[in-house]
Amino acid sequence: MNTAKKRFTIYQLSVCALMAALMCVLGPMSIPIGPIPVSLINFVIFLTVYVLSTKAAVTSYLIYLLIGTAGMGVFTGYEGGIGKLAGPTGGYLVGYIFAILLCGFIMKKSHSNTVITIIGMIVANMVAYLFGTVWFVLQMQCDVWYALTVCVFPFIPFDIAKILIASALGKTLRTVLIKSHLLPEQK
């Protein structure tokens, strides 16, 4: 009976750290479109899920969250600290953990089929929307419709574009990393 646990190789750890660093660099960048700006974090998250295994993608994202929670300005608008995570929009940051898990599961089951992967990313993003919207409603003590008009509806076209780009770029990047023997063939 083989009880050995699968462990990350040094190369996989390096790619995991690089993706966490990419989250820290691109995550704070945003475009103000209202009270909540458009962020690039979900683009990097979906790119990370495409490139890495689900476990490694969650690890990369948790590293990003810990860095931001510790006070580094890696969250949207170059903000950081526990206040940002615990604030009205912090639910989206937490919701992305579940989005990564769901997206990774769908990708693994579909053997990274591009169409199913894109659908999985959209569904996973909806999970993050759900989690974040509920959090926002509870924090702001507002109605759901207001939360949707402020936190979800304006972001849908941007998020679809980011998902399409992450899917195209992720497939290419993963192929290059596999050919370079930096990642294993199977997710």
Protein backbone atom coordinates (compact mmCIF):
# COMPACT_ATOMS: atom_id res chain seq x y z
CA MET A 1 0.00 0.00 0.00
CA ASN A 2 1.45 3.33 -1.07
CA THR A 3 0.88 5.85 1.69
CA ALA A 4 3.33 8.42 0.39
CA LYS A 5 1.72 11.80 -0.02
CA LYS A 6 2.12 13.73 -3.21
CA ARG A 7 4.44 16.63 -2.55
CA PHE A 8 5.25 19.69 -4.54
CA THR A 9 8.51 19.55 -6.47
CA ILE A 10 10.88 22.50 -6.23
CA TYR A 11 9.77 23.54 -9.71
CA GLN A 12 6.10 23.40 -8.77
CA LEU A 13 6.82 25.40 -5.62
CA SER A 14 8.65 27.97 -7.74
CA VAL A 15 5.73 28.31 -10.15
CA CYS A 16 3.34 28.51 -7.17
CA ALA A 17 5.42 31.35 -5.70
CA LEU A 18 5.58 33.09 -9.08
CA MET A 19 1.79 32.98 -9.39
CA ALA A 20 1.40 34.37 -5.86
CA ALA A 21 3.83 37.14 -6.82
CA LEU A 22 1.82 37.82 -9.98
CA MET A 23 -1.30 38.13 -7.83
CA CYS A 24 0.52 40.63 -5.62
CA VAL A 25 1.61 42.68 -8.64
CA LEU A 26 -1.60 42.63 -10.69
CA GLY A 27 -4.16 42.29 -7.87
CA PRO A 28 -3.93 45.90 -6.68
CA MET A 29 -4.27 47.33 -10.18
CA SER A 30 -7.79 48.53 -10.78
CA ILE A 31 -10.02 50.65 -12.98
CA PRO A 32 -12.47 52.84 -11.05
CA ILE A 33 -15.99 52.43 -12.47
CA GLY A 34 -17.97 53.33 -9.36
CA PRO A 35 -17.74 52.69 -5.63
CA ILE A 36 -15.98 49.38 -6.32
CA PRO A 37 -13.24 49.31 -8.99
CA VAL A 38 -12.58 46.59 -11.57
CA SER A 39 -9.65 44.51 -10.34
CA LEU A 40 -7.33 42.09 -12.11
CA ILE A 41 -7.22 39.61 -9.23
CA ASN A 42 -9.79 37.22 -10.65
CA PHE A 43 -7.91 37.22 -13.97
CA VAL A 44 -4.75 36.09 -12.18
CA ILE A 45 -6.72 33.60 -10.08
CA PHE A 46 -8.20 31.89 -13.14
CA LEU A 47 -4.83 31.97 -14.89
CA THR A 48 -3.32 30.31 -11.81
CA VAL A 49 -6.02 27.61 -11.72
CA TYR A 50 -5.38 26.87 -15.38
CA VAL A 51 -1.61 26.65 -14.94
CA LEU A 52 -1.35 24.89 -11.57
CA SER A 53 -3.15 22.09 -9.81
CA THR A 54 -6.10 23.10 -7.63
CA LYS A 55 -4.05 22.55 -4.47
CA ALA A 56 -1.21 24.72 -5.76
CA ALA A 57 -3.62 27.41 -6.96
CA VAL A 58 -5.28 27.56 -3.52
CA THR A 59 -1.84 27.70 -1.92
CA SER A 60 -0.79 30.59 -4.18
CA TYR A 61 -4.00 32.47 -3.42
CA LEU A 62 -3.70 31.89 0.33
CA ILE A 63 -0.15 33.28 0.21
CA TYR A 64 -1.56 36.37 -1.54
CA LEU A 65 -4.32 36.70 1.10
CA LEU A 66 -1.83 36.35 3.95
CA ILE A 67 0.46 38.99 2.44
CA GLY A 68 -2.50 41.35 2.04
CA THR A 69 -3.90 40.62 5.48
CA ALA A 70 -0.47 41.30 6.99
CA GLY A 71 -0.75 44.86 5.69
CA MET A 72 1.03 44.83 2.34
CA GLY A 73 -0.85 46.83 -0.30
CA VAL A 74 -1.70 43.93 -2.59
CA PHE A 75 -5.48 44.21 -2.51
CA THR A 76 -7.44 46.40 -4.91
CA GLY A 77 -6.28 50.00 -4.90
CA TYR A 78 -2.97 49.04 -3.25
CA GLU A 79 -4.68 48.52 0.09
CA GLY A 80 -3.87 45.89 2.67
CA GLY A 81 -4.66 44.85 6.19
CA ILE A 82 -7.26 42.84 8.03
CA GLY A 83 -9.74 45.69 7.65
CA LYS A 84 -9.88 45.22 3.89
CA LEU A 85 -10.43 41.49 4.26
CA ALA A 86 -13.06 41.94 6.98
CA GLY A 87 -14.71 44.89 5.23
CA PRO A 88 -17.77 44.97 2.96
CA THR A 89 -15.96 43.65 -0.11
CA GLY A 90 -13.81 41.13 1.76
CA GLY A 91 -16.33 38.41 1.02
CA TYR A 92 -15.24 38.41 -2.59
CA LEU A 93 -11.65 37.79 -1.50
CA VAL A 94 -12.78 34.86 0.64
CA GLY A 95 -15.20 33.67 -2.06
CA TYR A 96 -12.35 33.23 -4.51
CA ILE A 97 -11.07 30.31 -2.43
CA PHE A 98 -14.29 28.44 -3.21
CA ALA A 99 -14.13 29.62 -6.82
CA ILE A 100 -10.64 28.13 -7.17
CA LEU A 101 -11.78 24.83 -5.69
CA LEU A 102 -14.80 24.61 -7.97
CA CYS A 103 -12.95 25.70 -11.09
CA GLY A 104 -10.10 23.29 -10.42
CA PHE A 105 -12.55 20.43 -9.90
CA ILE A 106 -14.37 21.20 -13.16
CA MET A 107 -11.10 21.51 -15.08
CA LYS A 108 -9.83 18.19 -13.73
CA LYS A 109 -13.06 16.37 -14.54
CA SER A 110 -13.18 17.85 -18.06
CA HIS A 111 -9.48 17.14 -18.68
CA SER A 112 -9.01 20.90 -19.27
CA ASN A 113 -11.48 20.99 -22.17
CA THR A 114 -11.43 24.65 -23.20
CA VAL A 115 -15.21 25.19 -23.49
CA ILE A 116 -15.99 23.38 -20.24
CA THR A 117 -13.12 25.21 -18.55
CA ILE A 118 -14.54 28.60 -19.59
CA ILE A 119 -17.99 27.57 -18.37
CA GLY A 120 -16.38 26.34 -15.14
CA MET A 121 -14.61 29.68 -14.68
CA ILE A 122 -17.89 31.55 -15.19
CA VAL A 123 -19.70 29.31 -12.69
CA ALA A 124 -16.79 29.63 -10.23
CA ASN A 125 -16.90 33.42 -10.60
CA MET A 126 -20.62 33.28 -9.84
CA VAL A 127 -19.78 31.42 -6.62
CA ALA A 128 -17.41 34.25 -5.68
CA TYR A 129 -20.17 36.75 -6.57
CA LEU A 130 -22.63 34.87 -4.36
CA PHE A 131 -20.30 34.66 -1.39
CA GLY A 132 -19.17 38.27 -1.74
CA THR A 133 -22.69 39.63 -2.25
CA VAL A 134 -24.04 37.88 0.84
CA TRP A 135 -21.07 39.23 2.82
CA PHE A 136 -21.67 42.75 1.41
CA VAL A 137 -25.40 42.64 2.27
CA LEU A 138 -24.65 41.57 5.84
CA GLN A 139 -21.87 44.15 6.31
CA MET A 140 -23.70 47.08 4.72
CA GLN A 141 -27.18 46.06 5.91
CA CYS A 142 -28.57 46.76 2.45
CA ASP A 143 -30.93 44.88 0.19
CA VAL A 144 -29.72 42.27 -2.28
CA TRP A 145 -30.72 44.29 -5.36
CA TYR A 146 -28.54 47.22 -4.28
CA ALA A 147 -25.60 44.87 -3.64
CA LEU A 148 -26.03 43.28 -7.07
CA THR A 149 -26.17 46.65 -8.84
CA VAL A 150 -23.04 47.87 -7.07
CA CYS A 151 -20.98 44.68 -6.72
CA VAL A 152 -21.97 42.31 -9.53
CA PHE A 153 -23.77 43.69 -12.59
CA PRO A 154 -21.14 46.29 -13.58
CA PHE A 155 -18.40 43.64 -13.42
CA ILE A 156 -19.94 40.89 -15.55
CA PRO A 157 -18.61 42.09 -18.96
CA PHE A 158 -15.13 42.72 -17.53
CA ASP A 159 -15.07 39.34 -15.79
CA ILE A 160 -16.14 37.48 -18.92
CA ALA A 161 -13.33 39.20 -20.86
CA LYS A 162 -10.81 38.32 -18.12
CA ILE A 163 -11.99 34.70 -18.10
CA LEU A 164 -11.60 34.40 -21.89
CA ILE A 165 -8.12 35.92 -21.78
CA ALA A 166 -7.08 33.78 -18.78
CA SER A 167 -8.29 30.66 -20.56
CA ALA A 168 -6.38 31.40 -23.76
CA LEU A 169 -3.23 32.54 -21.99
CA GLY A 170 -3.44 29.77 -19.37
CA LYS A 171 -3.57 27.00 -21.94
CA THR A 172 -0.49 28.39 -23.72
CA LEU A 173 1.41 29.01 -20.49
CA ARG A 174 0.63 25.55 -19.13
CA THR A 175 1.83 23.93 -22.37
CA VAL A 176 5.11 25.87 -22.19
CA LEU A 177 5.65 24.96 -18.53
CA ILE A 178 4.97 21.27 -19.23
CA LYS A 179 7.36 21.24 -22.19
CA SER A 180 9.97 22.90 -19.96
CA HIS A 181 9.42 20.14 -17.35
CA LEU A 182 8.42 22.72 -14.76
CA LEU A 183 4.98 21.18 -14.33
CA PRO A 184 3.73 17.59 -14.55
CA GLU A 185 1.65 16.48 -17.55
CA GLN A 186 -1.54 15.80 -15.56
CA LYS A 187 -3.24 18.30 -13.27
